[in-house]
Amino acid sequence: MNWYVAKLVFRVISGDGDHQAQFDEQLRLISADSELVAYEKANRIGHANQDSFKNIEKQTVKWQFIDVAELNQLGELADGTELYYNIHETPDADLYIAWAHHKSALLGIRN
């Protein structure tokens, strides 16, 4: 059995959809014998997790499954195993570093 990390992409549509496009990217851990089986499982999970509900303004909010955007096989599962990476290029390194520190501070677990 192998372990994979699958990136599932959902579109979030509120009301009539007259708003800036929103997408939810989720990383899911998948256990499968092969890459094909992992992709099929991730695809089923995506379809099963489509949802809709009414927000406080009585508008329907939909999570529409788009696709499995990435699928990466993991090596050994151990403390510190890399699950995912993304290289980000930016014209302002200081702004990106400040953003990373801000996101970390929002976790609220620093001393």
PDB file of N, CA and C in Angstrom:
ATOM      1  N   MET A   1       0.846  -1.181   0.000  1.00  0.00           N
ATOM      2  CA  MET A   1       0.000   0.000   0.000  1.00  0.00           C
ATOM      3  C   MET A   1       0.890   1.242   0.000  1.00  0.00           C
ATOM      4  N   ASN A   2       0.539   2.213  -0.794  1.00  0.00           N
ATOM      5  CA  ASN A   2       1.272   3.467  -0.891  1.00  0.00           C
ATOM      6  C   ASN A   2       0.414   4.614  -0.366  1.00  0.00           C
ATOM      7  N   TRP A   3       1.082   5.682   0.034  1.00  0.00           N
ATOM      8  CA  TRP A   3       0.402   6.887   0.470  1.00  0.00           C
ATOM      9  C   TRP A   3       0.622   7.990  -0.551  1.00  0.00           C
ATOM     10  N   TYR A   4      -0.440   8.766  -0.807  1.00  0.00           N
ATOM     11  CA  TYR A   4      -0.412   9.859  -1.757  1.00  0.00           C
ATOM     12  C   TYR A   4      -1.029  11.094  -1.109  1.00  0.00           C
ATOM     13  N   VAL A   5      -0.586  12.266  -1.568  1.00  0.00           N
ATOM     14  CA  VAL A   5      -1.243  13.514  -1.208  1.00  0.00           C
ATOM     15  C   VAL A   5      -1.935  14.014  -2.470  1.00  0.00           C
ATOM     16  N   ALA A   6      -3.240  14.210  -2.370  1.00  0.00           N
ATOM     17  CA  ALA A   6      -4.027  14.689  -3.505  1.00  0.00           C
ATOM     18  C   ALA A   6      -4.516  16.094  -3.209  1.00  0.00           C
ATOM     19  N   LYS A   7      -4.385  16.972  -4.205  1.00  0.00           N
ATOM     20  CA  LYS A   7      -4.952  18.317  -4.067  1.00  0.00           C
ATOM     21  C   LYS A   7      -6.296  18.322  -4.781  1.00  0.00           C
ATOM     22  N   LEU A   8      -7.366  18.527  -4.002  1.00  0.00           N
ATOM     23  CA  LEU A   8      -8.716  18.617  -4.543  1.00  0.00           C
ATOM     24  C   LEU A   8      -9.088  20.087  -4.654  1.00  0.00           C
ATOM     25  N   VAL A   9      -9.675  20.462  -5.775  1.00  0.00           N
ATOM     26  CA  VAL A   9     -10.068  21.846  -5.988  1.00  0.00           C
ATOM     27  C   VAL A   9     -11.587  21.930  -6.070  1.00  0.00           C
ATOM     28  N   PHE A  10     -12.152  22.828  -5.252  1.00  0.00           N
ATOM     29  CA  PHE A  10     -13.581  23.088  -5.228  1.00  0.00           C
ATOM     30  C   PHE A  10     -13.813  24.552  -5.574  1.00  0.00           C
ATOM     31  N   ARG A  11     -14.882  24.826  -6.290  1.00  0.00           N
ATOM     32  CA  ARG A  11     -15.295  26.205  -6.503  1.00  0.00           C
ATOM     33  C   ARG A  11     -16.370  26.529  -5.476  1.00  0.00           C
ATOM     34  N   VAL A  12     -16.260  27.697  -4.867  1.00  0.00           N
ATOM     35  CA  VAL A  12     -17.233  28.148  -3.873  1.00  0.00           C
ATOM     36  C   VAL A  12     -18.088  29.218  -4.545  1.00  0.00           C
ATOM     37  N   ILE A  13     -19.387  28.921  -4.646  1.00  0.00           N
ATOM     38  CA  ILE A  13     -20.315  29.835  -5.320  1.00  0.00           C
ATOM     39  C   ILE A  13     -21.377  30.267  -4.323  1.00  0.00           C
ATOM     40  N   SER A  14     -21.470  31.578  -4.105  1.00  0.00           N
ATOM     41  CA  SER A  14     -22.479  32.126  -3.196  1.00  0.00           C
ATOM     42  C   SER A  14     -23.576  32.793  -4.004  1.00  0.00           C
ATOM     43  N   GLY A  15     -24.814  32.502  -3.645  1.00  0.00           N
ATOM     44  CA  GLY A  15     -25.959  33.115  -4.321  1.00  0.00           C
ATOM     45  C   GLY A  15     -25.938  32.850  -5.809  1.00  0.00           C
ATOM     46  N   ASP A  16     -26.078  33.911  -6.604  1.00  0.00           N
ATOM     47  CA  ASP A  16     -26.109  33.760  -8.063  1.00  0.00           C
ATOM     48  C   ASP A  16     -24.709  33.723  -8.668  1.00  0.00           C
ATOM     49  N   GLY A  17     -23.683  33.762  -7.829  1.00  0.00           N
ATOM     50  CA  GLY A  17     -22.306  33.675  -8.317  1.00  0.00           C
ATOM     51  C   GLY A  17     -21.739  34.982  -8.819  1.00  0.00           C
ATOM     52  N   ASP A  18     -22.448  36.086  -8.554  1.00  0.00           N
ATOM     53  CA  ASP A  18     -22.001  37.395  -9.014  1.00  0.00           C
ATOM     54  C   ASP A  18     -20.988  37.967  -8.015  1.00  0.00           C
ATOM     55  N   HIS A  19     -19.820  37.324  -7.939  1.00  0.00           N
ATOM     56  CA  HIS A  19     -18.752  37.739  -7.034  1.00  0.00           C
ATOM     57  C   HIS A  19     -17.429  37.236  -7.597  1.00  0.00           C
ATOM     58  N   GLN A  20     -16.339  37.720  -7.029  1.00  0.00           N
ATOM     59  CA  GLN A  20     -15.032  37.253  -7.461  1.00  0.00           C
ATOM     60  C   GLN A  20     -14.956  35.748  -7.250  1.00  0.00           C
ATOM     61  N   ALA A  21     -14.420  35.043  -8.238  1.00  0.00           N
ATOM     62  CA  ALA A  21     -14.342  33.584  -8.162  1.00  0.00           C
ATOM     63  C   ALA A  21     -13.530  33.149  -6.943  1.00  0.00           C
ATOM     64  N   GLN A  22     -14.065  32.165  -6.215  1.00  0.00           N
ATOM     65  CA  GLN A  22     -13.396  31.616  -5.038  1.00  0.00           C
ATOM     66  C   GLN A  22     -13.182  30.125  -5.251  1.00  0.00           C
ATOM     67  N   PHE A  23     -11.994  29.656  -4.872  1.00  0.00           N
ATOM     68  CA  PHE A  23     -11.667  28.246  -4.981  1.00  0.00           C
ATOM     69  C   PHE A  23     -11.072  27.765  -3.668  1.00  0.00           C
ATOM     70  N   ASP A  24     -11.481  26.587  -3.242  1.00  0.00           N
ATOM     71  CA  ASP A  24     -10.968  25.958  -2.039  1.00  0.00           C
ATOM     72  C   ASP A  24     -10.054  24.824  -2.490  1.00  0.00           C
ATOM     73  N   GLU A  25      -8.768  24.891  -2.101  1.00  0.00           N
ATOM     74  CA  GLU A  25      -7.816  23.832  -2.414  1.00  0.00           C
ATOM     75  C   GLU A  25      -7.587  23.026  -1.146  1.00  0.00           C
ATOM     76  N   GLN A  26      -7.840  21.727  -1.224  1.00  0.00           N
ATOM     77  CA  GLN A  26      -7.696  20.856  -0.065  1.00  0.00           C
ATOM     78  C   GLN A  26      -6.658  19.785  -0.361  1.00  0.00           C
ATOM     79  N   LEU A  27      -5.767  19.527   0.607  1.00  0.00           N
ATOM     80  CA  LEU A  27      -4.815  18.434   0.500  1.00  0.00           C
ATOM     81  C   LEU A  27      -5.377  17.256   1.275  1.00  0.00           C
ATOM     82  N   ARG A  28      -5.496  16.112   0.608  1.00  0.00           N
ATOM     83  CA  ARG A  28      -6.060  14.913   1.229  1.00  0.00           C
ATOM     84  C   ARG A  28      -5.052  13.780   1.172  1.00  0.00           C
ATOM     85  N   LEU A  29      -4.952  13.023   2.249  1.00  0.00           N
ATOM     86  CA  LEU A  29      -4.093  11.854   2.327  1.00  0.00           C
ATOM     87  C   LEU A  29      -4.856  10.646   1.802  1.00  0.00           C
ATOM     88  N   ILE A  30      -4.253   9.945   0.834  1.00  0.00           N
ATOM     89  CA  ILE A  30      -4.918   8.819   0.165  1.00  0.00           C
ATOM     90  C   ILE A  30      -4.044   7.582   0.267  1.00  0.00           C
ATOM     91  N   SER A  31      -4.625   6.466   0.650  1.00  0.00           N
ATOM     92  CA  SER A  31      -3.931   5.179   0.677  1.00  0.00           C
ATOM     93  C   SER A  31      -4.420   4.349  -0.506  1.00  0.00           C
ATOM     94  N   ALA A  32      -3.461   3.877  -1.330  1.00  0.00           N
ATOM     95  CA  ALA A  32      -3.858   3.124  -2.531  1.00  0.00           C
ATOM     96  C   ALA A  32      -2.690   2.272  -3.025  1.00  0.00           C
ATOM     97  N   ASP A  33      -3.023   1.248  -3.801  1.00  0.00           N
ATOM     98  CA  ASP A  33      -2.009   0.356  -4.366  1.00  0.00           C
ATOM     99  C   ASP A  33      -1.283   0.961  -5.560  1.00  0.00           C
ATOM    100  N   SER A  34      -1.914   1.931  -6.230  1.00  0.00           N
ATOM    101  CA  SER A  34      -1.302   2.511  -7.422  1.00  0.00           C
ATOM    102  C   SER A  34      -1.749   3.965  -7.568  1.00  0.00           C
ATOM    103  N   GLU A  35      -1.061   4.683  -8.448  1.00  0.00           N
ATOM    104  CA  GLU A  35      -1.416   6.076  -8.706  1.00  0.00           C
ATOM    105  C   GLU A  35      -2.826   6.179  -9.285  1.00  0.00           C
ATOM    106  N   LEU A  36      -3.183   5.265 -10.170  1.00  0.00           N
ATOM    107  CA  LEU A  36      -4.525   5.280 -10.768  1.00  0.00           C
ATOM    108  C   LEU A  36      -5.599   5.098  -9.698  1.00  0.00           C
ATOM    109  N   VAL A  37      -5.398   4.138  -8.806  1.00  0.00           N
ATOM    110  CA  VAL A  37      -6.371   3.893  -7.739  1.00  0.00           C
ATOM    111  C   VAL A  37      -6.436   5.111  -6.809  1.00  0.00           C
ATOM    112  N   ALA A  38      -5.287   5.729  -6.520  1.00  0.00           N
ATOM    113  CA  ALA A  38      -5.269   6.926  -5.672  1.00  0.00           C
ATOM    114  C   ALA A  38      -6.053   8.055  -6.329  1.00  0.00           C
ATOM    115  N   TYR A  39      -5.861   8.239  -7.634  1.00  0.00           N
ATOM    116  CA  TYR A  39      -6.596   9.287  -8.356  1.00  0.00           C
ATOM    117  C   TYR A  39      -8.102   9.011  -8.298  1.00  0.00           C
ATOM    118  N   GLU A  40      -8.489   7.770  -8.548  1.00  0.00           N
ATOM    119  CA  GLU A  40      -9.922   7.420  -8.528  1.00  0.00           C
ATOM    120  C   GLU A  40     -10.520   7.657  -7.145  1.00  0.00           C
ATOM    121  N   LYS A  41      -9.785   7.277  -6.077  1.00  0.00           N
ATOM    122  CA  LYS A  41     -10.271   7.503  -4.717  1.00  0.00           C
ATOM    123  C   LYS A  41     -10.403   8.992  -4.425  1.00  0.00           C
ATOM    124  N   ALA A  42      -9.388   9.770  -4.809  1.00  0.00           N
ATOM    125  CA  ALA A  42      -9.433  11.214  -4.579  1.00  0.00           C
ATOM    126  C   ALA A  42     -10.605  11.838  -5.325  1.00  0.00           C
ATOM    127  N   ASN A  43     -10.846  11.394  -6.535  1.00  0.00           N
ATOM    128  CA  ASN A  43     -11.963  11.896  -7.336  1.00  0.00           C
ATOM    129  C   ASN A  43     -13.301  11.579  -6.654  1.00  0.00           C
ATOM    130  N   ARG A  44     -13.443  10.370  -6.134  1.00  0.00           N
ATOM    131  CA  ARG A  44     -14.677  10.004  -5.419  1.00  0.00           C
ATOM    132  C   ARG A  44     -14.852  10.855  -4.160  1.00  0.00           C
ATOM    133  N   ILE A  45     -13.753  11.080  -3.448  1.00  0.00           N
ATOM    134  CA  ILE A  45     -13.818  11.917  -2.242  1.00  0.00           C
ATOM    135  C   ILE A  45     -14.268  13.330  -2.615  1.00  0.00           C
ATOM    136  N   GLY A  46     -13.721  13.858  -3.692  1.00  0.00           N
ATOM    137  CA  GLY A  46     -14.116  15.195  -4.142  1.00  0.00           C
ATOM    138  C   GLY A  46     -15.591  15.281  -4.444  1.00  0.00           C
ATOM    139  N   HIS A  47     -16.091  14.319  -5.206  1.00  0.00           N
ATOM    140  CA  HIS A  47     -17.523  14.329  -5.549  1.00  0.00           C
ATOM    141  C   HIS A  47     -18.393  14.147  -4.305  1.00  0.00           C
ATOM    142  N   ALA A  48     -17.941  13.297  -3.374  1.00  0.00           N
ATOM    143  CA  ALA A  48     -18.725  13.044  -2.162  1.00  0.00           C
ATOM    144  C   ALA A  48     -18.756  14.254  -1.233  1.00  0.00           C
ATOM    145  N   ASN A  49     -17.782  15.150  -1.366  1.00  0.00           N
ATOM    146  CA  ASN A  49     -17.705  16.309  -0.473  1.00  0.00           C
ATOM    147  C   ASN A  49     -18.260  17.586  -1.082  1.00  0.00           C
ATOM    148  N   GLN A  50     -18.923  17.478  -2.230  1.00  0.00           N
ATOM    149  CA  GLN A  50     -19.657  18.637  -2.734  1.00  0.00           C
ATOM    150  C   GLN A  50     -20.779  18.913  -1.745  1.00  0.00           C
ATOM    151  N   ASP A  51     -21.071  20.171  -1.557  1.00  0.00           N
ATOM    152  CA  ASP A  51     -22.060  20.499  -0.539  1.00  0.00           C
ATOM    153  C   ASP A  51     -22.725  21.823  -0.892  1.00  0.00           C
ATOM    154  N   SER A  52     -23.858  22.061  -0.281  1.00  0.00           N
ATOM    155  CA  SER A  52     -24.513  23.368  -0.378  1.00  0.00           C
ATOM    156  C   SER A  52     -25.281  23.610   0.904  1.00  0.00           C
ATOM    157  N   PHE A  53     -25.389  24.889   1.246  1.00  0.00           N
ATOM    158  CA  PHE A  53     -26.111  25.280   2.457  1.00  0.00           C
ATOM    159  C   PHE A  53     -26.565  26.719   2.293  1.00  0.00           C
ATOM    160  N   LYS A  54     -27.422  27.175   3.178  1.00  0.00           N
ATOM    161  CA  LYS A  54     -27.894  28.565   3.183  1.00  0.00           C
ATOM    162  C   LYS A  54     -27.037  29.361   4.167  1.00  0.00           C
ATOM    163  N   ASN A  55     -26.542  30.512   3.717  1.00  0.00           N
ATOM    164  CA  ASN A  55     -25.776  31.364   4.621  1.00  0.00           C
ATOM    165  C   ASN A  55     -26.743  32.251   5.417  1.00  0.00           C
ATOM    166  N   ILE A  56     -26.195  33.147   6.233  1.00  0.00           N
ATOM    167  CA  ILE A  56     -27.058  33.965   7.090  1.00  0.00           C
ATOM    168  C   ILE A  56     -27.909  34.940   6.290  1.00  0.00           C
ATOM    169  N   GLU A  57     -27.537  35.183   5.027  1.00  0.00           N
ATOM    170  CA  GLU A  57     -28.325  36.048   4.154  1.00  0.00           C
ATOM    171  C   GLU A  57     -29.318  35.248   3.315  1.00  0.00           C
ATOM    172  N   LYS A  58     -29.492  33.976   3.672  1.00  0.00           N
ATOM    173  CA  LYS A  58     -30.428  33.060   3.009  1.00  0.00           C
ATOM    174  C   LYS A  58     -30.050  32.780   1.550  1.00  0.00           C
ATOM    175  N   GLN A  59     -28.764  32.984   1.218  1.00  0.00           N
ATOM    176  CA  GLN A  59     -28.272  32.642  -0.117  1.00  0.00           C
ATOM    177  C   GLN A  59     -27.715  31.227  -0.078  1.00  0.00           C
ATOM    178  N   THR A  60     -27.869  30.515  -1.169  1.00  0.00           N
ATOM    179  CA  THR A  60     -27.276  29.188  -1.269  1.00  0.00           C
ATOM    180  C   THR A  60     -25.785  29.327  -1.541  1.00  0.00           C
ATOM    181  N   VAL A  61     -24.983  28.625  -0.763  1.00  0.00           N
ATOM    182  CA  VAL A  61     -23.541  28.571  -0.958  1.00  0.00           C
ATOM    183  C   VAL A  61     -23.211  27.142  -1.376  1.00  0.00           C
ATOM    184  N   LYS A  62     -22.517  27.002  -2.502  1.00  0.00           N
ATOM    185  CA  LYS A  62     -22.189  25.674  -3.044  1.00  0.00           C
ATOM    186  C   LYS A  62     -20.689  25.451  -3.050  1.00  0.00           C
ATOM    187  N   TRP A  63     -20.278  24.250  -2.666  1.00  0.00           N
ATOM    188  CA  TRP A  63     -18.914  23.770  -2.859  1.00  0.00           C
ATOM    189  C   TRP A  63     -18.999  22.806  -4.036  1.00  0.00           C
ATOM    190  N   GLN A  64     -18.530  23.219  -5.201  1.00  0.00           N
ATOM    191  CA  GLN A  64     -18.611  22.420  -6.426  1.00  0.00           C
ATOM    192  C   GLN A  64     -17.238  21.817  -6.709  1.00  0.00           C
ATOM    193  N   PHE A  65     -17.160  20.495  -6.741  1.00  0.00           N
ATOM    194  CA  PHE A  65     -15.884  19.828  -7.009  1.00  0.00           C
ATOM    195  C   PHE A  65     -15.473  20.084  -8.451  1.00  0.00           C
ATOM    196  N   ILE A  66     -14.215  20.528  -8.627  1.00  0.00           N
ATOM    197  CA  ILE A  66     -13.681  20.798  -9.954  1.00  0.00           C
ATOM    198  C   ILE A  66     -12.863  19.606 -10.444  1.00  0.00           C
ATOM    199  N   ASP A  67     -11.799  19.241  -9.687  1.00  0.00           N
ATOM    200  CA  ASP A  67     -10.956  18.134 -10.140  1.00  0.00           C
ATOM    201  C   ASP A  67      -9.872  17.846  -9.112  1.00  0.00           C
ATOM    202  N   VAL A  68      -9.161  16.743  -9.346  1.00  0.00           N
ATOM    203  CA  VAL A  68      -7.944  16.432  -8.612  1.00  0.00           C
ATOM    204  C   VAL A  68      -6.827  17.136  -9.374  1.00  0.00           C
ATOM    205  N   ALA A  69      -6.270  18.199  -8.787  1.00  0.00           N
ATOM    206  CA  ALA A  69      -5.299  19.024  -9.504  1.00  0.00           C
ATOM    207  C   ALA A  69      -3.869  18.495  -9.402  1.00  0.00           C
ATOM    208  N   GLU A  70      -3.560  17.785  -8.327  1.00  0.00           N
ATOM    209  CA  GLU A  70      -2.226  17.237  -8.137  1.00  0.00           C
ATOM    210  C   GLU A  70      -2.330  15.936  -7.372  1.00  0.00           C
ATOM    211  N   LEU A  71      -1.369  15.056  -7.631  1.00  0.00           N
ATOM    212  CA  LEU A  71      -1.300  13.781  -6.923  1.00  0.00           C
ATOM    213  C   LEU A  71       0.171  13.421  -6.766  1.00  0.00           C
ATOM    214  N   ASN A  72       0.636  13.325  -5.520  1.00  0.00           N
ATOM    215  CA  ASN A  72       2.046  13.059  -5.247  1.00  0.00           C
ATOM    216  C   ASN A  72       2.182  11.879  -4.307  1.00  0.00           C
ATOM    217  N   GLN A  73       2.995  10.913  -4.714  1.00  0.00           N
ATOM    218  CA  GLN A  73       3.248   9.762  -3.855  1.00  0.00           C
ATOM    219  C   GLN A  73       4.221  10.157  -2.763  1.00  0.00           C
ATOM    220  N   LEU A  74       3.938   9.694  -1.557  1.00  0.00           N
ATOM    221  CA  LEU A  74       4.803   9.965  -0.418  1.00  0.00           C
ATOM    222  C   LEU A  74       5.771   8.811  -0.233  1.00  0.00           C
ATOM    223  N   GLY A  75       6.917   9.132   0.331  1.00  0.00           N
ATOM    224  CA  GLY A  75       7.844   8.076   0.732  1.00  0.00           C
ATOM    225  C   GLY A  75       7.409   7.555   2.087  1.00  0.00           C
ATOM    226  N   GLU A  76       8.376   7.310   2.933  1.00  0.00           N
ATOM    227  CA  GLU A  76       8.099   6.818   4.275  1.00  0.00           C
ATOM    228  C   GLU A  76       7.337   7.862   5.085  1.00  0.00           C
ATOM    229  N   LEU A  77       6.311   7.418   5.819  1.00  0.00           N
ATOM    230  CA  LEU A  77       5.595   8.316   6.722  1.00  0.00           C
ATOM    231  C   LEU A  77       6.354   8.356   8.043  1.00  0.00           C
ATOM    232  N   ALA A  78       6.965   9.503   8.287  1.00  0.00           N
ATOM    233  CA  ALA A  78       7.745   9.678   9.510  1.00  0.00           C
ATOM    234  C   ALA A  78       7.638  11.140   9.932  1.00  0.00           C
ATOM    235  N   ASP A  79       8.025  11.411  11.160  1.00  0.00           N
ATOM    236  CA  ASP A  79       7.998  12.765  11.678  1.00  0.00           C
ATOM    237  C   ASP A  79       8.789  13.677  10.750  1.00  0.00           C
ATOM    238  N   GLY A  80       8.144  14.726  10.270  1.00  0.00           N
ATOM    239  CA  GLY A  80       8.808  15.692   9.405  1.00  0.00           C
ATOM    240  C   GLY A  80       8.775  15.358   7.923  1.00  0.00           C
ATOM    241  N   THR A  81       8.070  14.298   7.527  1.00  0.00           N
ATOM    242  CA  THR A  81       7.978  13.939   6.110  1.00  0.00           C
ATOM    243  C   THR A  81       7.335  15.072   5.324  1.00  0.00           C
ATOM    244  N   GLU A  82       7.951  15.437   4.204  1.00  0.00           N
ATOM    245  CA  GLU A  82       7.391  16.481   3.348  1.00  0.00           C
ATOM    246  C   GLU A  82       6.141  15.946   2.663  1.00  0.00           C
ATOM    247  N   LEU A  83       5.031  16.659   2.809  1.00  0.00           N
ATOM    248  CA  LEU A  83       3.776  16.250   2.196  1.00  0.00           C
ATOM    249  C   LEU A  83       3.491  17.021   0.918  1.00  0.00           C
ATOM    250  N   TYR A  84       3.952  18.258   0.858  1.00  0.00           N
ATOM    251  CA  TYR A  84       3.602  19.105  -0.268  1.00  0.00           C
ATOM    252  C   TYR A  84       4.583  20.260  -0.320  1.00  0.00           C
ATOM    253  N   TYR A  85       4.857  20.746  -1.505  1.00  0.00           N
ATOM    254  CA  TYR A  85       5.638  21.965  -1.628  1.00  0.00           C
ATOM    255  C   TYR A  85       5.128  22.773  -2.809  1.00  0.00           C
ATOM    256  N   ASN A  86       5.390  24.057  -2.744  1.00  0.00           N
ATOM    257  CA  ASN A  86       5.024  24.975  -3.816  1.00  0.00           C
ATOM    258  C   ASN A  86       6.049  26.097  -3.815  1.00  0.00           C
ATOM    259  N   ILE A  87       6.695  26.334  -4.929  1.00  0.00           N
ATOM    260  CA  ILE A  87       7.649  27.426  -5.024  1.00  0.00           C
ATOM    261  C   ILE A  87       6.881  28.676  -5.427  1.00  0.00           C
ATOM    262  N   HIS A  88       7.024  29.702  -4.615  1.00  0.00           N
ATOM    263  CA  HIS A  88       6.279  30.941  -4.828  1.00  0.00           C
ATOM    264  C   HIS A  88       7.245  32.043  -5.251  1.00  0.00           C
ATOM    265  N   GLU A  89       6.993  32.659  -6.371  1.00  0.00           N
ATOM    266  CA  GLU A  89       7.798  33.795  -6.811  1.00  0.00           C
ATOM    267  C   GLU A  89       7.018  35.078  -6.567  1.00  0.00           C
ATOM    268  N   THR A  90       7.725  36.108  -6.092  1.00  0.00           N
ATOM    269  CA  THR A  90       7.070  37.375  -5.783  1.00  0.00           C
ATOM    270  C   THR A  90       8.017  38.535  -6.083  1.00  0.00           C
ATOM    271  N   PRO A  91       7.485  39.657  -6.488  1.00  0.00           N
ATOM    272  CA  PRO A  91       8.342  40.822  -6.716  1.00  0.00           C
ATOM    273  C   PRO A  91       8.789  41.492  -5.417  1.00  0.00           C
ATOM    274  N   ASP A  92       8.148  41.160  -4.278  1.00  0.00           N
ATOM    275  CA  ASP A  92       8.465  41.806  -3.006  1.00  0.00           C
ATOM    276  C   ASP A  92       8.708  40.743  -1.932  1.00  0.00           C
ATOM    277  N   ALA A  93       9.978  40.373  -1.750  1.00  0.00           N
ATOM    278  CA  ALA A  93      10.326  39.320  -0.791  1.00  0.00           C
ATOM    279  C   ALA A  93       9.932  39.707   0.630  1.00  0.00           C
ATOM    280  N   ASP A  94      10.146  40.967   1.011  1.00  0.00           N
ATOM    281  CA  ASP A  94       9.817  41.401   2.372  1.00  0.00           C
ATOM    282  C   ASP A  94       8.323  41.284   2.660  1.00  0.00           C
ATOM    283  N   LEU A  95       7.504  41.617   1.678  1.00  0.00           N
ATOM    284  CA  LEU A  95       6.054  41.505   1.857  1.00  0.00           C
ATOM    285  C   LEU A  95       5.639  40.047   2.028  1.00  0.00           C
ATOM    286  N   TYR A  96       6.244  39.164   1.255  1.00  0.00           N
ATOM    287  CA  TYR A  96       5.915  37.737   1.377  1.00  0.00           C
ATOM    288  C   TYR A  96       6.346  37.203   2.742  1.00  0.00           C
ATOM    289  N   ILE A  97       7.537  37.601   3.204  1.00  0.00           N
ATOM    290  CA  ILE A  97       8.025  37.161   4.517  1.00  0.00           C
ATOM    291  C   ILE A  97       7.109  37.689   5.614  1.00  0.00           C
ATOM    292  N   ALA A  98       6.683  38.932   5.506  1.00  0.00           N
ATOM    293  CA  ALA A  98       5.752  39.502   6.488  1.00  0.00           C
ATOM    294  C   ALA A  98       4.433  38.732   6.488  1.00  0.00           C
ATOM    295  N   TRP A  99       3.955  38.355   5.302  1.00  0.00           N
ATOM    296  CA  TRP A  99       2.718  37.566   5.207  1.00  0.00           C
ATOM    297  C   TRP A  99       2.890  36.222   5.917  1.00  0.00           C
ATOM    298  N   ALA A 100       4.036  35.552   5.700  1.00  0.00           N
ATOM    299  CA  ALA A 100       4.280  34.251   6.334  1.00  0.00           C
ATOM    300  C   ALA A 100       4.303  34.386   7.855  1.00  0.00           C
ATOM    301  N   HIS A 101       4.958  35.444   8.362  1.00  0.00           N
ATOM    302  CA  HIS A 101       4.993  35.668   9.816  1.00  0.00           C
ATOM    303  C   HIS A 101       3.589  35.973  10.352  1.00  0.00           C
ATOM    304  N   HIS A 102       2.815  36.729   9.592  1.00  0.00           N
ATOM    305  CA  HIS A 102       1.440  37.047  10.001  1.00  0.00           C
ATOM    306  C   HIS A 102       0.594  35.769  10.085  1.00  0.00           C
ATOM    307  N   LYS A 103       0.691  34.918   9.070  1.00  0.00           N
ATOM    308  CA  LYS A 103      -0.088  33.661   9.079  1.00  0.00           C
ATOM    309  C   LYS A 103       0.329  32.802  10.260  1.00  0.00           C
ATOM    310  N   SER A 104       1.617  32.754  10.569  1.00  0.00           N
ATOM    311  CA  SER A 104       2.091  31.984  11.696  1.00  0.00           C
ATOM    312  C   SER A 104       1.551  32.535  13.011  1.00  0.00           C
ATOM    313  N   ALA A 105       1.535  33.853  13.134  1.00  0.00           N
ATOM    314  CA  ALA A 105       1.031  34.487  14.355  1.00  0.00           C
ATOM    315  C   ALA A 105      -0.454  34.184  14.560  1.00  0.00           C
ATOM    316  N   LEU A 106      -1.200  34.059  13.468  1.00  0.00           N
ATOM    317  CA  LEU A 106      -2.625  33.755  13.581  1.00  0.00           C
ATOM    318  C   LEU A 106      -2.879  32.361  14.168  1.00  0.00           C
ATOM    319  N   LEU A 107      -1.879  31.485  14.119  1.00  0.00           N
ATOM    320  CA  LEU A 107      -2.041  30.164  14.715  1.00  0.00           C
ATOM    321  C   LEU A 107      -2.199  30.268  16.228  1.00  0.00           C
ATOM    322  N   GLY A 108      -1.652  31.323  16.802  1.00  0.00           N
ATOM    323  CA  GLY A 108      -1.838  31.575  18.239  1.00  0.00           C
ATOM    324  C   GLY A 108      -1.152  30.586  19.154  1.00  0.00           C
ATOM    325  N   ILE A 109      -0.104  29.931  18.693  1.00  0.00           N
ATOM    326  CA  ILE A 109       0.550  28.917  19.533  1.00  0.00           C
ATOM    327  C   ILE A 109       2.004  29.243  19.820  1.00  0.00           C
ATOM    328  N   ARG A 110       2.439  30.423  19.444  1.00  0.00           N
ATOM    329  CA  ARG A 110       3.814  30.840  19.714  1.00  0.00           C
ATOM    330  C   ARG A 110       3.947  31.301  21.151  1.00  0.00           C
ATOM    331  N   ASN A 111       5.147  31.190  21.667  1.00  0.00           N
ATOM    332  CA  ASN A 111       5.452  31.711  23.010  1.00  0.00           C
ATOM    333  C   ASN A 111       5.766  33.174  22.933  1.00  0.00           C
TER     334      ASN A 111
END
